[in-house]
Amino acid sequence: MNQIIIKGNLTKDPELTYVGDNNTPKCAFTVAVKRKFSKEGKTDFIPCVSWQKTAEFVKNYFSKGKEILVSGRLELDSWKKDDGTWANRTNVVADNVEFCGSKSDSTGEDYHEVDDSDSGLPF
């Protein structure tokens, strides 16, 4: 099983791009996670990526300094570069993200609620 959960703060504003022929939304962001048992107070900076609706959600509702809870999977990529050397990259692929802390943390902005009253649902 490949599952990872991290909680920390965004190091900068998330970057949304559109990739491929279908212009699929992709959001890249980095989460600063303090090591729980580190006497020196060390922090790990974990690169994350989210796709489609999750990517748009992260871009729209998170910004530098905001606390975030990310669950997903660890993805290890390696490829051969043009010069013949190998390159490696490790990302957390975020399948789910959640708010942490209070509504006013970092920016003082309130979160927006979605009004689904016109959705036609019977409840």
Foldseek 3Di string as FASTA:
>chain_A
DFKDKAKAFWQFQWDWFFDDPVRKIKIKTWGWGFDPPDPVRDIDIAIAMETHPVRVVSNVPGGGGFMKMFMAGKDKDWDQDPVRDIDIDIHGYGPDMDGDDDQCPPPHDHDDDDDCVVVPDPD
